[in-house]
């Protein structure tokens, strides 16, 4: 499998790394419909379960998908990270 570079702006995620990189070895992205069935009980390790129970799912827009790999970071974020991320979010919103 090719190496994939994944960017993430959720700075309080366990897998978030400086430079807005995701360091997770496995990532589960699914539709919001399926994600809502398992609010906090499903993550990337359960990918086979989702595939077996639900099969492939379709989304009509990016906003109908969710990353189920998120885990709350237990150690502190680097100082200043929230303000930095907040500024980037405003910058991105202004572009669209």
Foldseek 3Di string as FASTA:
>chain_A
DDDDWDFALPQQFQQADPVRTGNDPFKDKAFVVVCVVQVQNDARVCNVVCCVVPNHDDDPDPVRMDIRHGDGHPDDGPPPSVVVSVVVVVVVVVVD
